[in-house]
Amino acid sequence: MDHKAIIKALGGWRKASQKLDMPVQRVRFWERRNSIPPEYFSAVSTVAQREGLDWVTEKHLLETLAARVAAPANDAGPADEAVAS
């Protein structure tokens, strides 16, 4: 599950920001980027556990971030594919 889904599971960016006691703009930016910065993993996992989201752990947050970083960017558009053929 990606970071955007975690924020949604916490009630969306407004409720998540309240639960995390963080500025709304910060959590909204995380949702837009689909990426929670590693320095906030502990706070997010603590709040998620308290909310009954047992699957949201620091390890899970790190794994989803690593998977996102490791995924190759699909920059080739239709024109690029035609040239490569």
Protein backbone atom coordinates (compact mmCIF):
# COMPACT_ATOMS: atom_id res chain seq x y z
CA MET A 1 0.00 0.00 0.00
CA ASP A 2 1.36 3.42 -0.91
CA HIS A 3 1.77 6.45 1.32
CA LYS A 4 -1.28 8.21 -0.14
CA ALA A 5 -3.41 5.24 0.96
CA ILE A 6 -1.98 5.48 4.48
CA ILE A 7 -2.97 9.13 4.72
CA LYS A 8 -6.43 8.23 3.42
CA ALA A 9 -6.69 5.44 6.02
CA LEU A 10 -5.90 8.03 8.70
CA GLY A 11 -8.97 9.98 7.57
CA GLY A 12 -7.48 12.10 4.80
CA TRP A 13 -4.91 14.84 4.97
CA ARG A 14 -6.92 17.14 7.27
CA LYS A 15 -7.68 14.52 9.92
CA ALA A 16 -4.24 12.96 9.57
CA SER A 17 -2.61 16.33 10.20
CA GLN A 18 -4.70 16.76 13.37
CA LYS A 19 -3.88 13.26 14.59
CA LEU A 20 -0.18 13.81 13.86
CA ASP A 21 -0.26 17.34 15.30
CA MET A 22 1.38 18.67 12.15
CA PRO A 23 0.55 21.50 9.77
CA VAL A 24 -2.18 20.66 7.27
CA GLN A 25 -0.03 21.83 4.37
CA ARG A 26 2.73 19.36 5.26
CA VAL A 27 0.45 16.31 5.26
CA ARG A 28 -1.36 17.51 2.15
CA PHE A 29 1.99 17.80 0.38
CA TRP A 30 2.87 14.23 1.41
CA GLU A 31 -0.41 13.03 -0.05
CA ARG A 32 0.12 14.92 -3.31
CA ARG A 33 3.63 13.51 -3.64
CA ASN A 34 2.53 10.07 -2.41
CA SER A 35 5.58 10.14 -0.17
CA ILE A 36 5.97 10.53 3.58
CA PRO A 37 9.54 11.62 4.42
CA PRO A 38 11.51 9.06 6.47
CA GLU A 39 11.98 11.47 9.38
CA TYR A 40 8.21 11.23 10.01
CA PHE A 41 7.90 7.42 9.79
CA SER A 42 7.99 6.99 13.58
CA ALA A 43 5.24 9.55 14.21
CA VAL A 44 3.05 8.20 11.40
CA SER A 45 3.41 4.57 12.49
CA THR A 46 2.71 5.47 16.14
CA VAL A 47 -0.50 7.31 15.22
CA ALA A 48 -1.53 4.58 12.78
CA GLN A 49 -1.06 1.89 15.43
CA ARG A 50 -3.15 3.93 17.86
CA GLU A 51 -5.86 4.18 15.17
CA GLY A 52 -5.86 0.38 14.72
CA LEU A 53 -3.91 0.35 11.46
CA ASP A 54 -1.58 -2.43 12.55
CA TRP A 55 -0.14 -2.84 9.05
CA VAL A 56 1.36 0.66 9.09
CA THR A 57 4.80 0.18 10.59
CA GLU A 58 8.08 1.99 10.09
CA LYS A 59 9.27 -1.06 8.14
CA HIS A 60 6.20 -0.90 5.87
CA LEU A 61 6.72 2.82 5.26
CA LEU A 62 10.36 2.23 4.38
CA GLU A 63 9.55 -0.69 2.07
CA THR A 64 6.92 1.29 0.18
CA LEU A 65 9.33 4.22 -0.17
CA ALA A 66 12.11 1.92 -1.39
CA ALA A 67 9.78 0.28 -3.91
CA ARG A 68 8.76 3.67 -5.24
CA VAL A 69 12.36 4.83 -5.58
CA ALA A 70 13.44 1.58 -7.22
CA ALA A 71 10.61 1.58 -9.78
CA PRO A 72 11.90 2.66 -13.18
CA ALA A 73 10.41 5.87 -14.49
CA ASN A 74 8.39 5.35 -17.62
CA ASP A 75 9.62 8.38 -19.54
CA ALA A 76 9.23 6.82 -22.97
CA GLY A 77 6.18 8.14 -24.73
CA PRO A 78 4.60 6.77 -27.93
CA ALA A 79 7.02 8.75 -30.12
CA ASP A 80 10.03 7.37 -28.24
CA GLU A 81 8.71 3.82 -28.57
CA ALA A 82 8.27 4.24 -32.34
CA VAL A 83 11.88 5.40 -32.71
CA ALA A 84 13.14 2.47 -30.62
CA SER A 85 11.37 -0.07 -32.88
